[in-house]
Each structure stands twice: as structure tokens, then as C-alpha cells.
């Protein structure tokens, strides 16, 4: 049962997130979705909500969001008020 549930877990982050986020997902055997950022390289709440809604419809269990605060390449910040 645990393995079945683990296969349904899904996490989210910006496409600007550090590569360690993807590696953490791989180590934990958790699917990670890298969501498109806006023109300011920020993850927006509506983008996250759309992804969560779609994944729930597909039977996944959304459980984790990794916010990016000061990316390596551009010092971009995700919109925390919208994704909280």
C-alpha cells in the first residue's frame, strides 16, 4: 500500500528551481513537476493551482511545493503570497 501511495505523490516547483530539487525528488522516488515561470521568472499561484487541479483529476496526490527564493541564475523569487 505504501508503494502504491508513493507512486501517486507529486511535488511542484518553478522551472527556475535549483537542480537539487529534481535530485531530491528522484532520491525520494517522488514525481516533481517543473512549472513554467512568468516573465519575471516567478512561479505564480494560478499556474500552480492549474497544475494541482489537473493532477488531482489524473489521480495524483499533490503534497509538496518548493518555493524558489533567489535563484542561482537570476536571483528570482517565486510569488509567495500567491502560492502559499
N, C-alpha and C. Protein backbone atom coordinates (compact mmCIF):
# COMPACT_ATOMS: atom_id res chain seq x y z
N UNK A 1 0.82 -1.19 0.00
CA UNK A 1 0.00 0.00 0.00
C UNK A 1 0.87 1.26 0.00
N UNK A 2 1.94 1.28 0.78
CA UNK A 2 2.82 2.45 0.81
C UNK A 2 3.43 2.73 -0.56
N UNK A 3 3.85 1.68 -1.25
CA UNK A 3 4.45 1.86 -2.57
C UNK A 3 3.43 2.41 -3.56
N UNK A 4 2.19 1.97 -3.43
CA UNK A 4 1.14 2.46 -4.32
C UNK A 4 0.89 3.95 -4.08
N UNK A 5 0.80 4.34 -2.82
CA UNK A 5 0.59 5.75 -2.49
C UNK A 5 1.78 6.58 -2.92
N UNK A 6 2.99 6.09 -2.67
CA UNK A 6 4.19 6.83 -3.06
C UNK A 6 4.22 7.11 -4.56
N UNK A 7 3.71 6.19 -5.35
CA UNK A 7 3.67 6.36 -6.79
C UNK A 7 2.70 7.44 -7.24
N UNK A 8 1.80 7.85 -6.35
CA UNK A 8 0.82 8.87 -6.68
C UNK A 8 1.20 10.26 -6.18
N UNK A 9 2.19 10.33 -5.30
CA UNK A 9 2.61 11.63 -4.76
C UNK A 9 3.27 12.47 -5.84
N UNK A 10 3.01 13.77 -5.79
CA UNK A 10 3.62 14.68 -6.77
C UNK A 10 3.92 16.01 -6.09
N UNK A 11 5.09 16.55 -6.42
CA UNK A 11 5.51 17.84 -5.90
C UNK A 11 5.67 18.84 -7.04
N UNK A 12 5.76 20.10 -6.68
CA UNK A 12 5.82 21.18 -7.67
C UNK A 12 6.92 22.17 -7.34
N UNK A 13 7.48 22.74 -8.40
CA UNK A 13 8.44 23.82 -8.24
C UNK A 13 8.50 24.60 -9.56
N UNK A 14 9.15 25.72 -9.51
CA UNK A 14 9.34 26.56 -10.69
C UNK A 14 10.37 25.92 -11.62
N UNK A 15 10.27 26.25 -12.89
CA UNK A 15 11.30 25.79 -13.83
C UNK A 15 12.64 26.47 -13.57
N UNK A 16 12.66 27.41 -12.64
CA UNK A 16 13.89 28.10 -12.25
C UNK A 16 14.52 27.49 -10.99
N UNK A 17 13.89 26.48 -10.43
CA UNK A 17 14.39 25.86 -9.20
C UNK A 17 15.76 25.22 -9.42
N UNK A 18 16.53 25.15 -8.36
CA UNK A 18 17.86 24.56 -8.40
C UNK A 18 17.77 23.08 -8.76
N UNK A 19 18.77 22.57 -9.41
CA UNK A 19 18.79 21.16 -9.83
C UNK A 19 18.69 20.19 -8.65
N UNK A 20 19.04 20.64 -7.46
CA UNK A 20 18.95 19.77 -6.29
C UNK A 20 17.51 19.41 -5.96
N UNK A 21 16.55 20.24 -6.39
CA UNK A 21 15.14 19.93 -6.15
C UNK A 21 14.75 18.68 -6.94
N UNK A 22 15.16 18.62 -8.18
CA UNK A 22 14.89 17.44 -9.00
C UNK A 22 15.58 16.21 -8.41
N UNK A 23 16.82 16.37 -7.98
CA UNK A 23 17.55 15.25 -7.40
C UNK A 23 16.88 14.75 -6.13
N UNK A 24 16.37 15.66 -5.31
CA UNK A 24 15.67 15.26 -4.09
C UNK A 24 14.44 14.43 -4.42
N UNK A 25 13.71 14.85 -5.45
CA UNK A 25 12.54 14.08 -5.89
C UNK A 25 12.93 12.69 -6.36
N UNK A 26 14.01 12.61 -7.11
CA UNK A 26 14.48 11.31 -7.60
C UNK A 26 14.90 10.40 -6.45
N UNK A 27 15.60 10.96 -5.48
CA UNK A 27 16.03 10.17 -4.33
C UNK A 27 14.83 9.66 -3.54
N UNK A 28 13.82 10.52 -3.40
CA UNK A 28 12.62 10.15 -2.66
C UNK A 28 11.60 9.38 -3.47
N UNK A 29 11.93 9.10 -4.74
CA UNK A 29 11.02 8.39 -5.65
C UNK A 29 9.68 9.11 -5.80
N UNK A 30 9.75 10.45 -5.83
CA UNK A 30 8.57 11.29 -5.94
C UNK A 30 8.61 12.05 -7.26
N UNK A 31 7.49 12.07 -7.95
CA UNK A 31 7.41 12.84 -9.19
C UNK A 31 7.46 14.33 -8.85
N UNK A 32 8.23 15.09 -9.63
CA UNK A 32 8.29 16.54 -9.49
C UNK A 32 7.85 17.16 -10.80
N UNK A 33 6.99 18.16 -10.73
CA UNK A 33 6.60 18.92 -11.92
C UNK A 33 7.25 20.28 -11.85
N UNK A 34 7.98 20.60 -12.89
CA UNK A 34 8.62 21.91 -13.01
C UNK A 34 7.68 22.80 -13.81
N UNK A 35 7.09 23.79 -13.15
CA UNK A 35 6.08 24.63 -13.75
C UNK A 35 6.71 25.88 -14.37
N UNK A 36 6.12 26.31 -15.48
CA UNK A 36 6.64 27.48 -16.18
C UNK A 36 6.54 28.72 -15.32
N UNK A 37 7.60 29.49 -15.32
CA UNK A 37 7.62 30.76 -14.59
C UNK A 37 7.14 31.88 -15.50
N UNK A 38 6.81 33.02 -14.90
CA UNK A 38 6.33 34.16 -15.68
C UNK A 38 7.51 34.97 -16.23
N UNK A 39 7.22 36.14 -16.77
CA UNK A 39 8.27 36.97 -17.38
C UNK A 39 9.30 37.47 -16.36
N UNK A 40 8.95 37.42 -15.07
CA UNK A 40 9.89 37.79 -14.01
C UNK A 40 10.58 36.57 -13.41
N UNK A 41 10.42 35.43 -14.07
CA UNK A 41 10.99 34.15 -13.64
C UNK A 41 10.44 33.68 -12.29
N UNK A 42 9.17 34.01 -12.03
CA UNK A 42 8.50 33.65 -10.78
C UNK A 42 7.39 32.64 -11.03
N UNK A 43 7.23 31.71 -10.11
CA UNK A 43 6.09 30.81 -10.14
C UNK A 43 4.88 31.57 -9.62
N UNK A 44 3.77 31.50 -10.33
CA UNK A 44 2.56 32.23 -9.95
C UNK A 44 1.51 31.26 -9.41
N UNK A 45 0.64 31.79 -8.57
CA UNK A 45 -0.38 30.98 -7.93
C UNK A 45 -1.33 30.32 -8.91
N UNK A 46 -1.72 31.03 -9.97
CA UNK A 46 -2.66 30.44 -10.92
C UNK A 46 -2.04 29.27 -11.68
N UNK A 47 -0.75 29.37 -11.98
CA UNK A 47 -0.05 28.28 -12.65
C UNK A 47 -0.01 27.04 -11.75
N UNK A 48 0.30 27.26 -10.48
CA UNK A 48 0.33 26.17 -9.51
C UNK A 48 -1.05 25.55 -9.34
N UNK A 49 -2.07 26.39 -9.20
CA UNK A 49 -3.43 25.88 -8.99
C UNK A 49 -3.91 25.05 -10.18
N UNK A 50 -3.61 25.49 -11.38
CA UNK A 50 -3.99 24.73 -12.58
C UNK A 50 -3.32 23.36 -12.59
N UNK A 51 -2.04 23.32 -12.22
CA UNK A 51 -1.31 22.05 -12.19
C UNK A 51 -1.88 21.11 -11.13
N UNK A 52 -2.19 21.65 -9.96
CA UNK A 52 -2.76 20.82 -8.89
C UNK A 52 -4.12 20.26 -9.31
N UNK A 53 -4.96 21.11 -9.88
CA UNK A 53 -6.28 20.66 -10.32
C UNK A 53 -6.16 19.55 -11.36
N UNK A 54 -5.30 19.74 -12.34
CA UNK A 54 -5.11 18.73 -13.39
C UNK A 54 -4.59 17.42 -12.80
N UNK A 55 -3.61 17.52 -11.91
CA UNK A 55 -3.04 16.30 -11.34
C UNK A 55 -4.03 15.56 -10.46
N UNK A 56 -4.86 16.28 -9.72
CA UNK A 56 -5.90 15.61 -8.93
C UNK A 56 -6.87 14.87 -9.84
N UNK A 57 -7.24 15.50 -10.95
CA UNK A 57 -8.13 14.84 -11.91
C UNK A 57 -7.49 13.58 -12.48
N UNK A 58 -6.18 13.56 -12.56
CA UNK A 58 -5.44 12.40 -13.08
C UNK A 58 -5.16 11.35 -12.00
N UNK A 59 -5.59 11.61 -10.77
CA UNK A 59 -5.44 10.64 -9.70
C UNK A 59 -4.19 10.80 -8.85
N UNK A 60 -3.42 11.85 -9.07
CA UNK A 60 -2.22 12.09 -8.27
C UNK A 60 -2.58 12.76 -6.94
N UNK A 61 -1.64 12.70 -6.01
CA UNK A 61 -1.81 13.30 -4.70
C UNK A 61 -0.78 14.43 -4.55
N UNK A 62 -1.19 15.68 -4.79
CA UNK A 62 -0.27 16.81 -4.60
C UNK A 62 0.06 16.95 -3.11
N UNK A 63 1.36 17.07 -2.80
CA UNK A 63 1.71 17.13 -1.39
C UNK A 63 2.86 18.08 -1.07
N UNK A 64 3.50 18.67 -2.06
CA UNK A 64 4.70 19.45 -1.78
C UNK A 64 4.89 20.54 -2.82
N UNK A 65 5.23 21.74 -2.35
CA UNK A 65 5.62 22.84 -3.24
C UNK A 65 6.95 23.37 -2.75
N UNK A 66 7.91 23.44 -3.64
CA UNK A 66 9.22 24.00 -3.31
C UNK A 66 9.28 25.42 -3.88
N UNK A 67 9.23 26.41 -3.01
CA UNK A 67 9.33 27.81 -3.44
C UNK A 67 10.78 28.17 -3.68
N UNK A 68 11.01 28.96 -4.70
CA UNK A 68 12.36 29.41 -5.04
C UNK A 68 12.54 30.83 -4.53
N UNK A 69 13.57 31.04 -3.74
CA UNK A 69 13.85 32.35 -3.17
C UNK A 69 15.26 32.76 -3.53
N UNK A 70 15.40 33.46 -4.65
CA UNK A 70 16.71 33.90 -5.10
C UNK A 70 17.41 32.84 -5.91
N UNK A 71 16.98 32.67 -7.15
CA UNK A 71 17.58 31.64 -7.99
C UNK A 71 19.05 31.91 -8.25
N UNK A 72 19.77 30.87 -8.57
CA UNK A 72 21.20 30.99 -8.85
C UNK A 72 21.46 31.86 -10.06
N UNK A 73 20.67 31.67 -11.12
CA UNK A 73 20.92 32.37 -12.37
C UNK A 73 20.45 33.80 -12.42
N UNK A 74 19.33 34.12 -11.73
CA UNK A 74 18.74 35.45 -11.89
C UNK A 74 18.29 36.09 -10.59
N UNK A 75 18.52 35.45 -9.47
CA UNK A 75 18.07 35.93 -8.16
C UNK A 75 16.56 36.19 -8.16
N UNK A 76 15.81 35.35 -8.88
CA UNK A 76 14.35 35.49 -8.97
C UNK A 76 13.68 34.86 -7.74
N UNK A 77 12.52 35.40 -7.40
CA UNK A 77 11.74 34.91 -6.27
C UNK A 77 10.36 34.49 -6.75
N UNK A 78 9.89 33.33 -6.30
CA UNK A 78 8.52 32.93 -6.60
C UNK A 78 7.56 33.84 -5.83
N UNK A 79 6.34 33.97 -6.33
CA UNK A 79 5.34 34.83 -5.71
C UNK A 79 4.73 34.09 -4.51
N UNK A 80 5.33 34.30 -3.34
CA UNK A 80 4.96 33.54 -2.15
C UNK A 80 3.53 33.81 -1.71
N UNK A 81 3.05 35.04 -1.85
CA UNK A 81 1.68 35.35 -1.44
C UNK A 81 0.68 34.53 -2.24
N UNK A 82 0.96 34.32 -3.51
CA UNK A 82 0.04 33.59 -4.36
C UNK A 82 0.14 32.07 -4.20
N UNK A 83 1.31 31.57 -3.90
CA UNK A 83 1.45 30.11 -3.83
C UNK A 83 1.30 29.54 -2.41
N UNK A 84 1.19 30.42 -1.43
CA UNK A 84 1.07 29.95 -0.04
C UNK A 84 -0.26 29.28 0.22
